[in-house]
PDB file of N, CA and C in Angstrom:
ATOM      1  N   MET A   1       0.839  -1.205  -0.046  1.00  0.00           N
ATOM      2  CA  MET A   1       0.264  -0.365  -0.310  1.00  0.00           C
ATOM      3  C   MET A   1       0.450   1.072  -0.039  1.00  0.00           C
ATOM      4  N   SER A   2       1.757   1.145   0.453  1.00  0.00           N
ATOM      5  CA  SER A   2       2.880   2.320   0.816  1.00  0.00           C
ATOM      6  C   SER A   2       3.246   2.889  -0.809  1.00  0.00           C
ATOM      7  N   GLY A   3       2.906   4.340  -0.933  1.00  0.00           N
ATOM      8  CA  GLY A   3       3.242   4.909  -1.982  1.00  0.00           C
ATOM      9  C   GLY A   3       2.389   4.515  -3.163  1.00  0.00           C
ATOM     10  N   GLU A   4       1.356   3.669  -2.990  1.00  0.00           N
ATOM     11  CA  GLU A   4       0.210   3.656  -4.459  1.00  0.00           C
ATOM     12  C   GLU A   4      -0.475   5.120  -4.511  1.00  0.00           C
ATOM     13  N   TRP A   5       0.046   5.679  -3.826  1.00  0.00           N
ATOM     14  CA  TRP A   5      -0.479   7.102  -4.589  1.00  0.00           C
ATOM     15  C   TRP A   5       0.093   8.386  -5.216  1.00  0.00           C
ATOM     16  N   ILE A   6       1.162   7.513  -5.561  1.00  0.00           N
ATOM     17  CA  ILE A   6       1.999   8.139  -6.642  1.00  0.00           C
ATOM     18  C   ILE A   6       2.039   7.263  -7.788  1.00  0.00           C
ATOM     19  N   ASN A   7       1.668   7.528  -8.729  1.00  0.00           N
ATOM     20  CA  ASN A   7       1.878   7.226 -10.205  1.00  0.00           C
ATOM     21  C   ASN A   7       3.137   7.441 -10.519  1.00  0.00           C
ATOM     22  N   TRP A   8       4.392   6.318 -10.340  1.00  0.00           N
ATOM     23  CA  TRP A   8       5.518   6.469 -10.437  1.00  0.00           C
ATOM     24  C   TRP A   8       6.509   6.454 -11.656  1.00  0.00           C
ATOM     25  N   SER A   9       5.592   5.876 -12.810  1.00  0.00           N
ATOM     26  CA  SER A   9       5.870   5.610 -14.350  1.00  0.00           C
ATOM     27  C   SER A   9       6.248   7.336 -14.824  1.00  0.00           C
ATOM     28  N   LYS A  10       5.022   7.981 -14.321  1.00  0.00           N
ATOM     29  CA  LYS A  10       4.907   9.482 -14.513  1.00  0.00           C
ATOM     30  C   LYS A  10       5.113  10.502 -13.540  1.00  0.00           C
ATOM     31  N   ASP A  11       5.917  10.085 -12.851  1.00  0.00           N
ATOM     32  CA  ASP A  11       6.493  10.593 -11.214  1.00  0.00           C
ATOM     33  C   ASP A  11       5.196  12.180 -11.456  1.00  0.00           C
ATOM     34  N   THR A  12       3.844  11.712 -11.329  1.00  0.00           N
ATOM     35  CA  THR A  12       2.607  12.437 -10.698  1.00  0.00           C
ATOM     36  C   THR A  12       1.893  11.653  -9.637  1.00  0.00           C
ATOM     37  N   LEU A  13       1.040  12.932  -8.956  1.00  0.00           N
ATOM     38  CA  LEU A  13      -0.125  12.014  -7.843  1.00  0.00           C
ATOM     39  C   LEU A  13      -0.963  11.641  -8.922  1.00  0.00           C
ATOM     40  N   ARG A  14      -1.328  10.278  -8.254  1.00  0.00           N
ATOM     41  CA  ARG A  14      -2.567   9.604  -8.986  1.00  0.00           C
ATOM     42  C   ARG A  14      -3.828  10.704  -8.247  1.00  0.00           C
ATOM     43  N   PRO A  15      -4.975  10.939  -9.228  1.00  0.00           N
ATOM     44  CA  PRO A  15      -6.265  11.431  -8.797  1.00  0.00           C
ATOM     45  C   PRO A  15      -6.470  11.879  -6.892  1.00  0.00           C
ATOM     46  N   ASN A  16      -6.544  10.556  -6.729  1.00  0.00           N
ATOM     47  CA  ASN A  16      -7.059  10.506  -5.575  1.00  0.00           C
ATOM     48  C   ASN A  16      -5.895  10.152  -4.435  1.00  0.00           C
ATOM     49  N   GLY A  17      -4.962  10.705  -4.971  1.00  0.00           N
ATOM     50  CA  GLY A  17      -3.749  10.775  -4.085  1.00  0.00           C
ATOM     51  C   GLY A  17      -3.794  10.892  -2.776  1.00  0.00           C
ATOM     52  N   ILE A  18      -3.996  12.447  -2.503  1.00  0.00           N
ATOM     53  CA  ILE A  18      -4.041  12.405  -1.114  1.00  0.00           C
ATOM     54  C   ILE A  18      -5.146  11.714  -0.329  1.00  0.00           C
ATOM     55  N   GLU A  19      -6.087  11.072  -0.402  1.00  0.00           N
ATOM     56  CA  GLU A  19      -7.061  10.396   0.182  1.00  0.00           C
ATOM     57  C   GLU A  19      -6.561   9.150   0.372  1.00  0.00           C
ATOM     58  N   LEU A  20      -5.495   8.453  -0.599  1.00  0.00           N
ATOM     59  CA  LEU A  20      -5.297   7.315  -0.340  1.00  0.00           C
ATOM     60  C   LEU A  20      -4.283   6.740   0.915  1.00  0.00           C
ATOM     61  N   GLU A  21      -3.306   8.275   0.862  1.00  0.00           N
ATOM     62  CA  GLU A  21      -1.888   8.364   1.975  1.00  0.00           C
ATOM     63  C   GLU A  21      -3.049   8.877   3.215  1.00  0.00           C
ATOM     64  N   ASN A  22      -3.888   9.640   3.279  1.00  0.00           N
ATOM     65  CA  ASN A  22      -4.886   9.628   4.032  1.00  0.00           C
ATOM     66  C   ASN A  22      -5.163   8.204   4.660  1.00  0.00           C
ATOM     67  N   GLU A  23      -5.577   7.481   4.147  1.00  0.00           N
ATOM     68  CA  GLU A  23      -6.337   6.075   4.404  1.00  0.00           C
ATOM     69  C   GLU A  23      -4.768   5.454   5.268  1.00  0.00           C
ATOM     70  N   TYR A  24      -3.814   5.450   4.721  1.00  0.00           N
ATOM     71  CA  TYR A  24      -2.545   4.855   4.950  1.00  0.00           C
ATOM     72  C   TYR A  24      -1.904   5.239   6.137  1.00  0.00           C
ATOM     73  N   ASN A  25      -2.324   6.789   6.203  1.00  0.00           N
ATOM     74  CA  ASN A  25      -1.655   7.066   7.592  1.00  0.00           C
ATOM     75  C   ASN A  25      -2.575   6.601   8.559  1.00  0.00           C
ATOM     76  N   LYS A  26      -3.908   6.927   8.525  1.00  0.00           N
ATOM     77  CA  LYS A  26      -4.744   6.212   9.435  1.00  0.00           C
ATOM     78  C   LYS A  26      -4.467   4.641   9.915  1.00  0.00           C
ATOM     79  N   LEU A  27      -4.211   4.119   9.143  1.00  0.00           N
ATOM     80  CA  LEU A  27      -4.211   2.662   9.640  1.00  0.00           C
ATOM     81  C   LEU A  27      -2.465   3.047  10.198  1.00  0.00           C
ATOM     82  N   GLY A  28      -1.483   3.603   9.953  1.00  0.00           N
ATOM     83  CA  GLY A  28      -0.203   3.592  10.468  1.00  0.00           C
ATOM     84  C   GLY A  28      -0.431   3.759  11.664  1.00  0.00           C
ATOM     85  N   GLN A  29      -1.102   4.945  12.229  1.00  0.00           N
ATOM     86  CA  GLN A  29      -1.753   5.313  13.417  1.00  0.00           C
ATOM     87  C   GLN A  29      -2.454   4.295  14.143  1.00  0.00           C
ATOM     88  N   HIS A  30      -3.237   3.710  13.845  1.00  0.00           N
ATOM     89  CA  HIS A  30      -4.131   2.522  14.337  1.00  0.00           C
ATOM     90  C   HIS A  30      -2.868   1.374  14.991  1.00  0.00           C
ATOM     91  N   LEU A  31      -2.126   0.827  13.602  1.00  0.00           N
ATOM     92  CA  LEU A  31      -1.042  -0.117  14.081  1.00  0.00           C
ATOM     93  C   LEU A  31       0.079   0.183  15.336  1.00  0.00           C
ATOM     94  N   THR A  32       0.676   1.526  15.344  1.00  0.00           N
ATOM     95  CA  THR A  32       1.267   2.032  15.874  1.00  0.00           C
ATOM     96  C   THR A  32       0.718   1.929  17.998  1.00  0.00           C
ATOM     97  N   LYS A  33      -0.506   2.343  17.755  1.00  0.00           N
ATOM     98  CA  LYS A  33      -1.084   1.996  19.109  1.00  0.00           C
ATOM     99  C   LYS A  33      -1.257   0.528  19.441  1.00  0.00           C
ATOM    100  N   LYS A  34      -1.652   0.090  18.520  1.00  0.00           N
ATOM    101  CA  LYS A  34      -1.629  -1.568  19.137  1.00  0.00           C
ATOM    102  C   LYS A  34      -0.156  -2.216  19.466  1.00  0.00           C
ATOM    103  N   VAL A  35       1.009  -1.482  18.411  1.00  0.00           N
ATOM    104  CA  VAL A  35       1.815  -2.260  18.668  1.00  0.00           C
ATOM    105  C   VAL A  35       2.436  -1.688  20.593  1.00  0.00           C
ATOM    106  N   LYS A  36       1.956  -0.431  20.860  1.00  0.00           N
ATOM    107  CA  LYS A  36       2.368   0.212  22.159  1.00  0.00           C
ATOM    108  C   LYS A  36       1.704  -0.402  22.949  1.00  0.00           C
ATOM    109  N   ILE A  37       0.580  -1.235  22.810  1.00  0.00           N
ATOM    110  CA  ILE A  37       0.109  -1.531  23.754  1.00  0.00           C
ATOM    111  C   ILE A  37       0.421  -3.043  23.801  1.00  0.00           C
ATOM    112  N   GLU A  38       1.214  -3.374  22.714  1.00  0.00           N
ATOM    113  CA  GLU A  38       1.618  -5.231  23.468  1.00  0.00           C
ATOM    114  C   GLU A  38       2.967  -4.940  23.477  1.00  0.00           C
ATOM    115  N   LEU A  39       3.705  -3.896  23.642  1.00  0.00           N
ATOM    116  CA  LEU A  39       5.133  -3.528  23.484  1.00  0.00           C
ATOM    117  C   LEU A  39       5.281  -3.369  25.341  1.00  0.00           C
ATOM    118  N   GLY A  40       4.283  -2.577  26.166  1.00  0.00           N
ATOM    119  CA  GLY A  40       4.098  -1.760  26.603  1.00  0.00           C
ATOM    120  C   GLY A  40       5.320  -0.646  27.193  1.00  0.00           C
ATOM    121  N   PRO A  41       5.309  -0.106  28.463  1.00  0.00           N
ATOM    122  CA  PRO A  41       6.103   1.052  28.717  1.00  0.00           C
ATOM    123  C   PRO A  41       7.379   1.227  28.166  1.00  0.00           C
ATOM    124  N   ASN A  42       8.065  -0.024  28.215  1.00  0.00           N
ATOM    125  CA  ASN A  42       9.584  -0.188  28.391  1.00  0.00           C
ATOM    126  C   ASN A  42      10.028   0.134  26.653  1.00  0.00           C
ATOM    127  N   TYR A  43       9.448   0.431  26.283  1.00  0.00           N
ATOM    128  CA  TYR A  43       9.499   0.687  24.171  1.00  0.00           C
ATOM    129  C   TYR A  43       8.932   1.669  24.053  1.00  0.00           C
ATOM    130  N   LYS A  44       9.936   2.298  23.340  1.00  0.00           N
ATOM    131  CA  LYS A  44       9.312   3.809  22.574  1.00  0.00           C
ATOM    132  C   LYS A  44       8.882   3.332  21.316  1.00  0.00           C
ATOM    133  N   VAL A  45       7.597   4.085  20.454  1.00  0.00           N
ATOM    134  CA  VAL A  45       7.093   3.583  19.150  1.00  0.00           C
ATOM    135  C   VAL A  45       6.821   4.523  18.904  1.00  0.00           C
ATOM    136  N   ARG A  46       6.800   5.341  17.624  1.00  0.00           N
ATOM    137  CA  ARG A  46       6.650   6.651  16.945  1.00  0.00           C
ATOM    138  C   ARG A  46       6.348   5.983  15.211  1.00  0.00           C
ATOM    139  N   PHE A  47       5.297   6.796  15.190  1.00  0.00           N
ATOM    140  CA  PHE A  47       5.021   6.837  14.014  1.00  0.00           C
ATOM    141  C   PHE A  47       5.370   7.839  12.910  1.00  0.00           C
ATOM    142  N   SER A  48       5.961   7.682  12.011  1.00  0.00           N
ATOM    143  CA  SER A  48       6.149   9.013  11.356  1.00  0.00           C
ATOM    144  C   SER A  48       5.166   8.784   9.781  1.00  0.00           C
ATOM    145  N   PRO A  49       3.939   9.750  10.080  1.00  0.00           N
ATOM    146  CA  PRO A  49       3.053   9.899   8.815  1.00  0.00           C
ATOM    147  C   PRO A  49       3.459  10.438   7.490  1.00  0.00           C
ATOM    148  N   SER A  50       2.910   9.697   6.259  1.00  0.00           N
ATOM    149  CA  SER A  50       3.561  10.135   5.015  1.00  0.00           C
ATOM    150  C   SER A  50       3.118  11.252   4.363  1.00  0.00           C
ATOM    151  N   SER A  51       4.015  12.268   3.835  1.00  0.00           N
ATOM    152  CA  SER A  51       3.664  13.565   3.724  1.00  0.00           C
ATOM    153  C   SER A  51       3.870  13.741   1.920  1.00  0.00           C
ATOM    154  N   SER A  52       4.359  12.392   1.214  1.00  0.00           N
ATOM    155  CA  SER A  52       4.274  12.595  -0.029  1.00  0.00           C
ATOM    156  C   SER A  52       3.372  13.396  -0.990  1.00  0.00           C
ATOM    157  N   ALA A  53       2.293  12.795  -0.907  1.00  0.00           N
ATOM    158  CA  ALA A  53       1.106  13.480  -1.796  1.00  0.00           C
ATOM    159  C   ALA A  53       0.833  14.828  -1.695  1.00  0.00           C
ATOM    160  N   ARG A  54       0.784  15.628  -0.214  1.00  0.00           N
ATOM    161  CA  ARG A  54       1.050  16.986  -0.687  1.00  0.00           C
ATOM    162  C   ARG A  54       2.121  17.584  -0.933  1.00  0.00           C
ATOM    163  N   MET A  55       3.227  16.676  -1.140  1.00  0.00           N
ATOM    164  CA  MET A  55       4.353  17.269  -1.579  1.00  0.00           C
ATOM    165  C   MET A  55       4.289  17.241  -3.016  1.00  0.00           C
ATOM    166  N   TYR A  56       3.657  16.355  -3.700  1.00  0.00           N
ATOM    167  CA  TYR A  56       3.478  16.134  -5.395  1.00  0.00           C
ATOM    168  C   TYR A  56       2.368  16.943  -5.549  1.00  0.00           C
ATOM    169  N   ALA A  57       1.200  17.552  -4.780  1.00  0.00           N
ATOM    170  CA  ALA A  57       0.427  18.154  -4.860  1.00  0.00           C
ATOM    171  C   ALA A  57       0.595  19.888  -4.610  1.00  0.00           C
ATOM    172  N   GLY A  58       2.041  20.062  -4.130  1.00  0.00           N
ATOM    173  CA  GLY A  58       2.432  21.310  -3.910  1.00  0.00           C
ATOM    174  C   GLY A  58       2.115  22.077  -2.737  1.00  0.00           C
ATOM    175  N   LEU A  59       1.414  21.248  -1.767  1.00  0.00           N
ATOM    176  CA  LEU A  59       0.350  21.977  -0.635  1.00  0.00           C
ATOM    177  C   LEU A  59       1.653  21.598   0.640  1.00  0.00           C
ATOM    178  N   GLU A  60       1.421  22.593   1.586  1.00  0.00           N
ATOM    179  CA  GLU A  60       2.009  22.203   2.862  1.00  0.00           C
ATOM    180  C   GLU A  60       1.671  21.356   3.788  1.00  0.00           C
ATOM    181  N   PHE A  61       2.569  20.827   4.134  1.00  0.00           N
ATOM    182  CA  PHE A  61       2.190  19.679   5.384  1.00  0.00           C
ATOM    183  C   PHE A  61       2.984  20.416   6.756  1.00  0.00           C
TER     184      PHE A  61
END
């Protein structure tokens, strides 16, 4: 799923690219919460959301 919002052969953002990236980031946040619960407080887990679609669209992130 990672990077599916970009048409790599044309190096452009797909028409629904920002929405696809948003869904990817929501899933990443959800999985990060689950991992934090499983590992407990002794481990630090951090999710870094993707912002490449906004970069391709020329938007601030």
